[in-house]
Structure formats: structure tokens, C-alpha cells
Amino acid sequence: MNTETLLLRLRADLADGGLRGSFLVRDLRTGFEAGIDPDLEFPSASLVKIPLAAATLERIRQGELDGSAALDVEPGRATAPGPTGLTRFRHPARVAIDDLLYLTMAISDETAADALFALTPPAEVTRMTRDWGITGITARHPAADLSDTPAERFDPADVHLAHALAINAGTSGRGHPVLQLDVTRASSGSARAFVNLLEALWKPSKVDEQVAARVRELMGLNLLRQRLSPDFVSDATKWSSKTGTVLNLRHEVGVVEHADGGMFAIAALTESQVPAAIQPEAEVLMARVARELRDHLREG
């Protein structure tokens, strides 16, 4: 099947499944790539924690921060479904910066991420990312904002109303009355921008190799593996990734490394048109689209 025919079919599959997406798969050995609307900008949700981790590690490398230094972290006391780690703690904790990095990346802990953002604010994370030559990714707000959406104001039985608002209230210019869904106010990026970041972390680049190696390790420790992971993990592959979720947005970006030396950077950023909080079918569909794009490049 040629690329054009494949992309037409995958676009139709996404539409039939109620998804709109920005996908890009790049062969990191050859540079060849295939994608669907890879330059469409999306609110990045927790994907912003990748540049946050890289920026924090760079400051540790430069001696501006001490990874072993312990910080007093106030509990998040979250009660709604979703948040993890310190965000659900009821009592203060004292946690080292290195361990906050692990919590931020492995379980997407928003309170841990905001402890890191307090050290390196969003604007500084963006500046450092630009200094590495990565454009198109912007950090704009604390991670806690991701758990402060209309969904948290509804009873569980009515949460579909928040998703209906998310789906129907956007503008043609990607604006939205919900801050977390407005690409001009939320942290944002495109599939291409995140693939460029992944390439900078997996191949020699302006990112220091010590920093890149630790980010790769942290992404390999990701425990949230319900999305793309089932289509990319096996005894002969290694899958390292980060997910992002807010309201009707479901994202994941990562790198699959094959035993034969093949290495593919993958970004799948999606928004659902179905007003429901739990959509396992959407997870399956976005993984299948990403897998077919990877298979097409690998077999080509």
C-alpha cells in the first residue's frame, strides 16, 4: 500500500472512531517519516513534563540545582479520579529533586511536577528548549491546572457534560474557553515538535548526553502503559514514553527501539469527539494508527 492510500484510510478510521489527531512517526536511522496533520498544534497536557525533566536535569548538570536536595512538598489532597502520587497525599512530604523527577515522569504526578516548576518556571523551560533548537513546544502554566477543569466540578454521573463542553466550545483558531484546551493559553506542541524533541534526546544533539540519557531512562520507567504501549512492547523491543491526558485529549509520545537496531520516534496527539471520560476504544484506535504508520516505514 502506498503512503497516500494508507493515510487516507487511517484518516477515515480516526473519523469513524470519533478522533481527530496529529500523528508523526520518524525512523531515527534514516530520517524518513509518515504522519497525519503532524504540524497541528494541540494543548500538550502532561507531555510538557518531558522538557520540564530535561530542563531540571540540565540545571543539575550545571550545578544550579542539587538532585539530592530534599524539598518540602505540600499534599495535593486530590479526591477526583485521575491524579496520582503526591497529588493524592493528605500530609506534607519531604522529597529529593531526583525523586520528584521520577514521580513526574513515571506516574505523571502533578504535585511533583509543580515542585519542579517552582524551581524552573514554565517560561524558563520554554527558553531552554528553544536553546536546544527545539521549536514548537511551549510551557505556559503549572501542572496542577490539568486537574482543575470543568470535569472536577461535576458528579461522576455527569462528567460527560464537561466532555461535551470540551468538544463543542472550541473555536476554529484552536481557542477555547477552557484554559487547558486553548493552544494560546495552555502548554502546547505538535506531533512534529515532540518528535523533534525525542530525536534530540535519542541522537546526538545540543542536549547534553548525560541529561538525554537520564530522560530516556525516566521515559522507560513510565508506568502508564494503557495507550500506545500494547502495540509497541515485546521481548524484542523497548518502549519509552510519556502520556498526556486532559478532558477529551489523549496523547502519547515515545521511542520504540528494536533488537535489530531499528529506532522510531512516535507522537500521537488526539482529541475525541465522543462526550465520555472512559474510552478504551479510543486508546486502541490511536495505538493502531501509530503502529500502522511505524509498520509502513519499517517495511518500506
Protein backbone atom coordinates (compact mmCIF):
# COMPACT_ATOMS: atom_id res chain seq x y z
CA MET A 1 0.00 0.00 0.00
CA ASN A 2 1.41 3.41 -0.94
CA THR A 3 1.66 6.17 1.65
CA GLU A 4 -1.18 8.30 0.27
CA THR A 5 -3.63 5.38 0.29
CA LEU A 6 -2.59 4.42 3.84
CA LEU A 7 -3.05 7.95 5.15
CA LEU A 8 -6.49 8.29 3.56
CA ARG A 9 -7.61 5.05 5.20
CA LEU A 10 -6.18 5.97 8.60
CA ARG A 11 -7.85 9.40 8.48
CA ALA A 12 -11.16 7.68 7.76
CA ASP A 13 -10.60 5.22 10.60
CA LEU A 14 -9.93 8.06 13.03
CA ALA A 15 -13.04 9.94 11.92
CA ASP A 16 -15.18 6.80 12.23
CA GLY A 17 -13.84 6.35 15.77
CA GLY A 18 -14.62 9.92 16.77
CA LEU A 19 -10.98 11.04 16.92
CA ARG A 20 -9.07 13.93 15.42
CA GLY A 21 -5.33 13.57 15.63
CA SER A 22 -1.83 14.79 14.93
CA PHE A 23 0.44 11.80 14.31
CA LEU A 24 4.05 11.50 13.26
CA VAL A 25 6.39 8.51 13.11
CA ARG A 26 10.05 9.07 12.19
CA ASP A 27 12.72 6.47 11.50
CA LEU A 28 15.59 7.82 13.58
CA ARG A 29 18.14 5.95 11.49
CA THR A 30 17.04 7.24 8.06
CA GLY A 31 15.01 10.35 8.84
CA PHE A 32 12.08 9.06 6.76
CA GLU A 33 8.71 9.84 8.32
CA ALA A 34 4.97 9.45 7.86
CA GLY A 35 2.24 11.38 9.59
CA ILE A 36 -1.28 12.77 9.75
CA ASP A 37 -1.52 16.53 10.31
CA PRO A 38 1.85 16.47 12.14
CA ASP A 39 2.02 20.26 12.43
CA LEU A 40 -1.40 20.71 14.02
CA GLU A 41 -0.88 22.30 17.43
CA PHE A 42 -2.52 20.74 20.49
CA PRO A 43 -2.56 21.55 24.19
CA SER A 44 0.19 19.23 25.38
CA ALA A 45 -1.22 18.27 28.80
CA SER A 46 1.39 16.18 30.68
CA LEU A 47 3.68 15.85 27.66
CA VAL A 48 5.18 19.14 28.87
CA LYS A 49 6.79 17.15 31.67
CA ILE A 50 9.40 15.85 29.20
CA PRO A 51 11.00 19.28 28.60
CA LEU A 52 10.49 20.06 32.31
CA ALA A 53 12.52 16.98 33.24
CA ALA A 54 15.21 17.80 30.69
CA ALA A 55 15.48 21.40 31.89
CA THR A 56 15.70 20.31 35.54
CA LEU A 57 18.41 17.77 34.73
CA GLU A 58 20.37 20.35 32.75
CA ARG A 59 20.33 22.69 35.74
CA ILE A 60 21.53 19.83 37.95
CA ARG A 61 24.33 19.14 35.47
CA GLN A 62 25.37 22.78 35.54
CA GLY A 63 25.42 22.81 39.34
CA GLU A 64 22.49 25.19 39.71
CA LEU A 65 20.43 22.51 41.46
CA ASP A 66 21.37 19.54 43.63
CA GLY A 67 19.46 16.41 42.71
CA SER A 68 19.83 15.06 46.24
CA ALA A 69 18.38 18.19 47.85
CA ALA A 70 15.09 17.45 49.60
CA LEU A 71 12.12 19.79 49.21
CA ASP A 72 9.09 20.17 51.47
CA VAL A 73 6.08 19.41 49.29
CA GLU A 74 2.53 20.25 50.32
CA PRO A 75 -0.05 17.49 49.70
CA GLY A 76 -2.33 17.76 46.69
CA ARG A 77 -5.27 16.18 48.54
CA ALA A 78 -6.95 15.34 45.22
CA THR A 79 -10.12 13.27 45.51
CA ALA A 80 -11.31 13.14 41.87
CA PRO A 81 -10.32 10.12 39.74
CA GLY A 82 -7.08 10.50 37.81
CA PRO A 83 -4.33 12.25 39.81
CA THR A 84 -1.52 10.13 41.23
CA GLY A 85 1.28 10.18 43.80
CA LEU A 86 1.85 13.32 45.87
CA THR A 87 -1.20 14.85 44.23
CA ARG A 88 -3.29 12.42 46.30
CA PHE A 89 -1.24 12.74 49.51
CA ARG A 90 -3.05 14.04 52.58
CA HIS A 91 0.03 15.15 54.50
CA PRO A 92 3.21 17.11 53.69
CA ALA A 93 6.20 15.14 52.39
CA ARG A 94 9.92 15.77 52.01
CA VAL A 95 11.20 14.53 48.66
CA ALA A 96 14.54 14.85 46.85
CA ILE A 97 14.62 16.56 43.46
CA ASP A 98 15.81 13.33 41.79
CA ASP A 99 12.80 11.51 43.23
CA LEU A 100 10.44 14.28 42.15
CA LEU A 101 11.73 13.71 38.62
CA TYR A 102 10.88 10.02 38.89
CA LEU A 103 7.35 10.74 40.20
CA THR A 104 6.80 13.37 37.49
CA MET A 105 7.74 11.06 34.65
CA ALA A 106 6.85 7.54 35.82
CA ILE A 107 3.37 8.24 37.21
CA SER A 108 2.79 11.78 35.88
CA ASP A 109 2.47 13.22 39.40
CA GLU A 110 1.29 16.82 39.03
CA THR A 111 2.29 17.94 42.53
CA ALA A 112 5.81 16.59 41.92
CA ALA A 113 5.92 18.39 38.57
CA ASP A 114 4.87 21.66 40.16
CA ALA A 115 7.62 21.35 42.76
CA LEU A 116 10.00 21.20 39.78
CA PHE A 117 8.23 24.08 38.01
CA ALA A 118 8.74 26.14 41.20
CA LEU A 119 12.48 25.70 40.63
CA THR A 120 12.38 26.16 36.85
CA PRO A 121 9.27 28.10 35.80
CA PRO A 122 7.42 27.33 32.55
CA ALA A 123 8.93 30.31 30.70
CA GLU A 124 12.45 29.11 31.58
CA VAL A 125 11.63 25.56 30.47
CA THR A 126 10.48 27.00 27.14
CA ARG A 127 13.63 29.10 26.80
CA MET A 128 15.91 26.14 27.48
CA THR A 129 14.00 24.01 24.99
CA ARG A 130 14.48 26.73 22.36
CA ASP A 131 18.20 26.88 23.20
CA TRP A 132 18.40 23.18 22.27
CA GLY A 133 16.97 24.04 18.87
CA ILE A 134 13.52 22.60 19.60
CA THR A 135 10.76 24.95 18.46
CA GLY A 136 7.02 24.40 18.63
CA ILE A 137 6.81 23.30 22.29
CA THR A 138 5.73 25.92 24.82
CA ALA A 139 5.28 25.52 28.58
CA ARG A 140 2.81 28.06 29.96
CA HIS A 141 1.26 27.00 33.28
CA PRO A 142 1.64 24.77 36.34
CA ALA A 143 0.80 21.08 36.09
CA ALA A 144 -1.89 21.44 38.76
CA ASP A 145 -4.05 23.23 36.19
CA LEU A 146 -4.52 19.86 34.48
CA SER A 147 -6.58 18.69 37.45
CA ASP A 148 -8.62 21.88 37.67
CA THR A 149 -11.01 21.55 34.74
CA PRO A 150 -14.82 21.56 34.45
CA ALA A 151 -14.74 17.76 34.90
CA GLU A 152 -13.80 18.17 38.57
CA ARG A 153 -16.92 20.29 39.14
CA PHE A 154 -19.38 17.60 38.09
CA ASP A 155 -20.53 14.49 39.88
CA PRO A 156 -19.14 11.33 38.23
CA ALA A 157 -22.52 10.60 36.63
CA ASP A 158 -22.48 14.00 34.91
CA VAL A 159 -18.84 14.17 33.83
CA HIS A 160 -19.92 13.65 30.22
CA LEU A 161 -21.21 17.24 30.34
CA ALA A 162 -17.67 18.52 30.82
CA HIS A 163 -16.58 16.50 27.80
CA ALA A 164 -19.45 17.88 25.75
CA LEU A 165 -18.24 21.39 26.66
CA ALA A 166 -14.69 20.45 25.69
CA ILE A 167 -15.86 19.15 22.31
CA ASN A 168 -18.30 21.87 21.35
CA ALA A 169 -16.91 25.13 22.75
CA GLY A 170 -13.67 25.38 20.77
CA THR A 171 -13.04 27.97 18.04
CA SER A 172 -11.75 27.45 14.52
CA GLY A 173 -8.46 29.04 15.58
CA ARG A 174 -7.86 26.41 18.30
CA GLY A 175 -9.02 28.75 21.05
CA HIS A 176 -11.24 27.53 23.87
CA PRO A 177 -12.97 28.98 26.96
CA VAL A 178 -11.41 26.14 28.97
CA LEU A 179 -7.82 27.27 29.57
CA GLN A 180 -6.34 23.77 29.36
CA LEU A 181 -7.74 23.32 25.83
CA ASP A 182 -6.72 26.71 24.38
CA VAL A 183 -3.46 26.44 22.44
CA THR A 184 -2.69 30.11 23.09
CA ARG A 185 -3.01 29.78 26.89
CA ALA A 186 -2.19 26.14 27.63
CA SER A 187 1.16 24.44 27.30
CA SER A 188 1.20 23.29 23.70
CA GLY A 189 3.03 21.48 20.92
CA SER A 190 2.59 19.44 17.77
CA ALA A 191 3.44 15.88 16.88
CA ARG A 192 6.38 17.17 14.82
CA ALA A 193 7.70 19.28 17.67
CA PHE A 194 7.61 16.37 20.10
CA VAL A 195 9.23 14.01 17.59
CA ASN A 196 11.98 16.61 17.16
CA LEU A 197 12.43 16.63 20.94
CA LEU A 198 12.58 12.83 21.04
CA GLU A 199 15.17 12.81 18.28
CA ALA A 200 17.26 15.31 20.24
CA LEU A 201 17.07 13.01 23.28
CA TRP A 202 17.89 9.78 21.42
CA LYS A 203 20.53 11.07 18.96
CA PRO A 204 23.50 13.42 19.39
CA SER A 205 22.22 16.98 19.68
CA LYS A 206 22.57 20.17 21.68
CA VAL A 207 21.07 18.34 24.65
CA ASP A 208 23.90 17.09 26.87
CA GLU A 209 24.20 13.30 26.59
CA GLN A 210 24.13 12.85 30.37
CA VAL A 211 20.84 14.78 30.50
CA ALA A 212 19.40 12.95 27.49
CA ALA A 213 20.33 9.54 28.92
CA ARG A 214 18.52 10.24 32.19
CA VAL A 215 15.40 11.48 30.37
CA ARG A 216 15.45 8.30 28.26
CA GLU A 217 15.74 6.25 31.43
CA LEU A 218 12.82 8.08 33.06
CA MET A 219 10.64 7.61 29.98
CA GLY A 220 11.49 3.92 30.06
CA LEU A 221 10.11 3.79 33.61
CA ASN A 222 6.69 5.13 32.59
CA LEU A 223 4.03 3.08 34.38
CA LEU A 224 1.07 4.44 32.37
CA ARG A 225 1.02 1.87 29.60
CA GLN A 226 -2.59 1.56 28.52
CA ARG A 227 -2.35 3.66 25.38
CA LEU A 228 0.36 3.03 22.74
CA SER A 229 2.35 0.53 24.79
CA PRO A 230 0.30 -2.59 23.91
CA ASP A 231 1.18 -2.11 20.24
CA PHE A 232 4.89 -1.48 20.77
CA VAL A 233 6.12 -3.61 23.67
CA SER A 234 7.53 -7.10 23.15
CA ASP A 235 10.52 -9.21 24.14
CA ALA A 236 12.32 -7.78 21.10
CA THR A 237 11.52 -4.11 21.63
CA LYS A 238 11.95 -1.38 24.22
CA TRP A 239 9.25 1.27 24.52
CA SER A 240 9.98 4.56 26.35
CA SER A 241 7.20 7.12 26.50
CA LYS A 242 5.16 9.82 28.21
CA THR A 243 1.38 10.18 28.15
CA GLY A 244 -0.76 13.30 28.41
CA THR A 245 -4.46 13.47 29.24
CA VAL A 246 -6.90 16.27 29.96
CA LEU A 247 -10.64 16.18 29.30
CA ASN A 248 -11.10 14.87 25.73
CA LEU A 249 -7.37 14.96 24.88
CA ARG A 250 -5.36 11.73 24.85
CA HIS A 251 -1.69 11.88 23.88
CA GLU A 252 1.39 9.74 23.98
CA VAL A 253 4.89 10.24 22.58
CA GLY A 254 7.77 7.80 22.74
CA VAL A 255 10.53 5.87 21.06
CA VAL A 256 10.46 2.19 20.16
CA GLU A 257 13.86 0.50 19.89
CA HIS A 258 14.02 -2.86 18.12
CA ALA A 259 16.51 -5.64 18.74
CA ASP A 260 17.62 -5.37 15.10
CA GLY A 261 18.71 -1.75 15.65
CA GLY A 262 15.59 -0.08 14.30
CA MET A 263 14.52 3.01 16.21
CA PHE A 264 11.34 5.03 15.64
CA ALA A 265 10.13 8.22 17.34
CA ILE A 266 6.34 8.29 17.60
CA ALA A 267 3.91 11.05 18.56
CA ALA A 268 0.15 10.63 18.76
CA LEU A 269 -1.86 13.67 19.89
CA THR A 270 -5.63 13.25 19.76
CA GLU A 271 -8.91 14.85 20.71
CA SER A 272 -12.11 12.84 20.99
CA GLN A 273 -15.48 13.93 19.65
CA VAL A 274 -17.25 11.47 21.96
CA PRO A 275 -18.52 13.00 25.25
CA ALA A 276 -17.31 10.29 27.62
CA ALA A 277 -14.48 10.18 30.14
CA ILE A 278 -13.59 6.50 29.71
CA GLN A 279 -12.95 5.44 26.11
CA PRO A 280 -10.78 2.34 25.79
CA GLU A 281 -11.72 2.13 22.12
CA ALA A 282 -10.03 5.49 21.53
CA GLU A 283 -6.83 4.19 23.15
CA VAL A 284 -6.91 1.11 20.89
CA LEU A 285 -7.56 3.18 17.76
CA MET A 286 -4.79 5.71 18.31
CA ALA A 287 -2.34 2.90 19.04
CA ARG A 288 -3.33 1.04 15.87
CA VAL A 289 -2.88 4.17 13.73
CA ALA A 290 0.57 4.80 15.22
CA ARG A 291 1.51 1.14 14.75
CA GLU A 292 0.43 1.10 11.10
CA LEU A 293 2.47 4.23 10.39
CA ARG A 294 5.51 2.62 12.03
CA ASP A 295 4.97 -0.65 10.14
CA HIS A 296 4.71 1.27 6.86
CA LEU A 297 8.07 2.95 7.44
CA ARG A 298 9.71 -0.21 8.70
CA GLU A 299 8.59 -2.28 5.74
CA GLY A 300 9.30 0.46 3.21
